[in-house]
């Protein structure tokens, strides 16, 4: 019986550790990353996403990624110097619960549908906006 309790505690600890580490993956700031660093970040940390070049708008400097189920699109917008200035995720409502878990575990709540984190001396805000058929999560430095 004692071995079973230790095993149960070990399993619980491992599950908790995985949950926390998963949150840290999303907490890694992309704001300020170079375009190449974002590509590496997505390849290493978000393997379920693929670069989507199906539509290229020349007037915007961005990278667009789509997950395998096509239920989540993640767009990174860059300055003329190829530094990430903002990101936006567009998600089907089937992703809502998972997204809320990610946001609540990785960032500090800052009001209804808003979260923040510090990046050097700047505050970065994430804002969730509900639409009729989808929702978005925007990430940008707070003005």
Protein backbone atom coordinates (compact mmCIF):
# COMPACT_ATOMS: atom_id res chain seq x y z
CA UNK A 1 0.00 0.00 0.00
CA UNK A 2 2.85 2.39 0.82
CA UNK A 3 4.44 1.76 -2.58
CA UNK A 4 1.15 2.55 -4.29
CA UNK A 5 0.90 5.87 -2.46
CA UNK A 6 4.44 6.79 -3.49
CA UNK A 7 3.70 5.78 -7.07
CA UNK A 8 0.51 7.85 -7.05
CA UNK A 9 2.37 10.88 -5.70
CA UNK A 10 5.09 10.41 -8.32
CA UNK A 11 2.53 10.22 -11.14
CA UNK A 12 0.70 13.27 -9.80
CA UNK A 13 3.97 15.21 -9.58
CA UNK A 14 4.91 14.29 -13.16
CA UNK A 15 1.47 15.28 -14.47
CA UNK A 16 1.69 18.62 -12.66
CA UNK A 17 5.18 19.22 -14.00
CA UNK A 18 4.03 18.55 -17.59
CA UNK A 19 1.10 20.94 -17.14
CA UNK A 20 3.39 23.71 -15.86
CA UNK A 21 5.98 23.13 -18.59
CA UNK A 22 3.27 23.19 -21.24
CA UNK A 23 2.20 26.60 -19.95
CA UNK A 24 5.78 27.83 -20.13
CA UNK A 25 5.95 26.95 -23.81
CA UNK A 26 3.17 29.40 -24.49
CA UNK A 27 4.60 31.95 -22.09
CA UNK A 28 7.78 32.35 -24.12
CA UNK A 29 7.47 35.83 -25.60
CA UNK A 30 7.55 36.13 -29.38
CA UNK A 31 7.35 39.93 -29.32
CA UNK A 32 10.81 41.19 -30.22
CA UNK A 33 11.93 37.92 -31.85
CA UNK A 34 13.39 38.05 -35.34
CA UNK A 35 11.52 36.34 -38.17
CA UNK A 36 14.07 33.51 -38.15
CA UNK A 37 13.72 33.09 -34.37
CA UNK A 38 9.94 32.81 -34.74
CA UNK A 39 10.41 30.09 -37.38
CA UNK A 40 12.68 28.14 -35.01
CA UNK A 41 10.27 28.71 -32.09
CA UNK A 42 7.33 27.34 -34.07
CA UNK A 43 9.33 24.37 -35.38
CA UNK A 44 10.68 23.44 -31.93
CA UNK A 45 7.82 24.33 -29.59
CA UNK A 46 4.66 24.08 -31.71
CA UNK A 47 5.20 21.06 -33.93
CA UNK A 48 1.48 20.80 -34.69
CA UNK A 49 1.64 24.03 -36.73
CA UNK A 50 2.83 24.35 -40.32
CA UNK A 51 3.90 27.47 -42.20
CA UNK A 52 1.08 28.50 -44.57
CA UNK A 53 2.12 30.39 -47.70
CA UNK A 54 -1.20 29.94 -49.50
CA UNK A 55 -2.01 33.66 -49.34
CA UNK A 56 0.78 36.23 -49.32
CA UNK A 57 -0.13 39.90 -48.95
CA UNK A 58 2.86 41.90 -50.07
CA UNK A 59 1.97 45.01 -48.07
CA UNK A 60 2.27 43.13 -44.75
CA UNK A 61 5.41 41.58 -43.30
CA UNK A 62 4.12 38.44 -41.59
CA UNK A 63 4.35 34.69 -41.11
CA UNK A 64 1.17 32.59 -40.97
CA UNK A 65 0.96 29.16 -39.33
CA UNK A 66 -2.00 26.76 -39.25
CA UNK A 67 -2.44 23.71 -37.03
CA UNK A 68 -3.09 20.27 -38.55
CA UNK A 69 -6.83 20.36 -37.86
CA UNK A 70 -7.09 23.87 -39.33
CA UNK A 71 -8.83 25.03 -36.15
CA UNK A 72 -6.13 27.49 -35.11
CA UNK A 73 -4.24 30.03 -37.23
CA UNK A 74 -1.33 31.95 -35.72
CA UNK A 75 -0.10 35.07 -37.52
CA UNK A 76 3.06 36.95 -36.54
CA UNK A 77 3.48 40.54 -37.77
CA UNK A 78 6.94 42.06 -38.17
CA UNK A 79 8.55 45.48 -38.41
CA UNK A 80 10.58 46.53 -41.45
CA UNK A 81 13.60 45.20 -39.52
CA UNK A 82 11.92 41.75 -39.29
CA UNK A 83 11.26 41.94 -35.52
CA UNK A 84 7.97 40.57 -34.27
CA UNK A 85 5.74 43.45 -33.13
CA UNK A 86 2.45 41.59 -32.60
CA UNK A 87 0.78 38.22 -33.05
CA UNK A 88 -2.78 37.08 -33.54
CA UNK A 89 -4.37 33.68 -33.18
CA UNK A 90 -7.69 32.98 -34.88
CA UNK A 91 -9.37 29.92 -33.40
CA UNK A 92 -12.48 27.81 -33.83
CA UNK A 93 -14.57 27.58 -30.66
CA UNK A 94 -13.52 23.94 -30.29
CA UNK A 95 -10.15 25.38 -29.15
CA UNK A 96 -11.69 27.71 -26.54
CA UNK A 97 -11.26 25.60 -23.38
CA UNK A 98 -7.66 24.69 -24.24
CA UNK A 99 -6.83 28.32 -25.03
CA UNK A 100 -8.32 29.52 -21.74
CA UNK A 101 -6.26 26.93 -19.86
CA UNK A 102 -3.12 28.08 -21.68
CA UNK A 103 -3.77 31.76 -21.02
CA UNK A 104 -4.73 31.30 -17.37
CA UNK A 105 -1.74 29.07 -16.61
CA UNK A 106 0.89 31.09 -18.44
CA UNK A 107 -0.05 34.75 -17.95
CA UNK A 108 -1.30 37.14 -15.30
CA UNK A 109 -5.00 38.04 -15.61
CA UNK A 110 -5.57 41.77 -16.27
CA UNK A 111 -9.33 42.07 -16.51
CA UNK A 112 -12.04 40.35 -18.48
CA UNK A 113 -10.53 38.49 -21.46
CA UNK A 114 -7.10 40.10 -20.92
CA UNK A 115 -3.75 38.82 -19.68
CA UNK A 116 -0.33 40.46 -19.35
CA UNK A 117 3.33 39.63 -18.95
CA UNK A 118 6.47 41.72 -18.64
CA UNK A 119 9.01 41.82 -21.45
CA UNK A 120 12.06 43.73 -20.28
CA UNK A 121 10.51 47.07 -19.22
CA UNK A 122 7.38 46.74 -21.36
CA UNK A 123 4.03 45.23 -20.53
CA UNK A 124 2.71 42.89 -23.21
CA UNK A 125 -1.04 42.33 -23.30
CA UNK A 126 -3.01 39.41 -24.69
CA UNK A 127 -6.64 40.15 -25.52
CA UNK A 128 -9.26 37.52 -26.31
CA UNK A 129 -12.11 38.72 -28.54
CA UNK A 130 -15.17 36.59 -29.25
CA UNK A 131 -16.72 36.69 -32.70
CA UNK A 132 -19.77 34.79 -33.90
CA UNK A 133 -17.97 31.83 -35.50
CA UNK A 134 -14.47 32.14 -34.04
CA UNK A 135 -12.40 33.97 -31.44
CA UNK A 136 -9.06 35.76 -31.60
CA UNK A 137 -6.17 36.25 -29.20
CA UNK A 138 -4.01 39.29 -29.96
CA UNK A 139 -0.60 39.82 -28.38
CA UNK A 140 1.05 43.27 -28.44
CA UNK A 141 2.95 45.72 -26.30
CA UNK A 142 0.56 47.73 -24.15
CA UNK A 143 0.49 51.45 -24.98
